Amino acid sequence: MRITVKLKLGLAFAAVIALSTATAAIGISSLGSLNTTIDDLLAGPVQRVKLVNLVFTDLIAISRAERSVLASPTPEMAKHYDDEIVDGRKVLRSHMDQLDAIASGVGKQKLAVFKTTWEKYVPLQDKFRDLVTRDKAQAAELSYGTLKGIVDDGKAELGEITDINNQAMTQAQDGARSE
């Protein structure tokens, strides 16, 4: 049987259409998979990095409010900064609980270490808050000594959690690229 040019062209166009359809189907499937990977990335490592950064920022803000209480020229300003400390503690606790809810196994262990440090910090800061109204010199010694050391320890512990989460995010990104 002899194949005409018309039939050859028809078969060629049919092949091109079939290949285009197959390519489109593979592309759509890959996009769906990529979307799932990105959603997983945003729900996991990225959210954990965001929360640990918020806890870090909360800790710094509380520490700065503590120093501001010392430097306040009036009791009203000191009260304002003391209120910032109290509010900051609530916010930090909320962020820490949110982080604990989604942390990885290793992240939970590191967060437990930070929680221990935090539990040492709060009573000493309460002592500072009491002292600052009676003896600013002793309060300053506590703030710039023991409390600063505990905050530095907490920052280092949160830095370790950040490193863990950054590694997880990098692994998730590499996994997304390989798909």
Foldseek 3Di string as FASTA:
>chain_A
DDQDPVNVVVVVVVVVVVVVVVVVVVVVVLVVVLVVLVVVLCVALVLLLVLLVVLLVLLVLLLVLLVQLLVDPDVVSNVVSVVSNVVSVVSNVVSLVVNCVRDDPVLVVLSVVLVVLVVVQVVLVVVLSVVCVPPSVVSVCSSVPVNVVSSVVSSVSSVVSSVVSVVVSVVSVVVSVVD
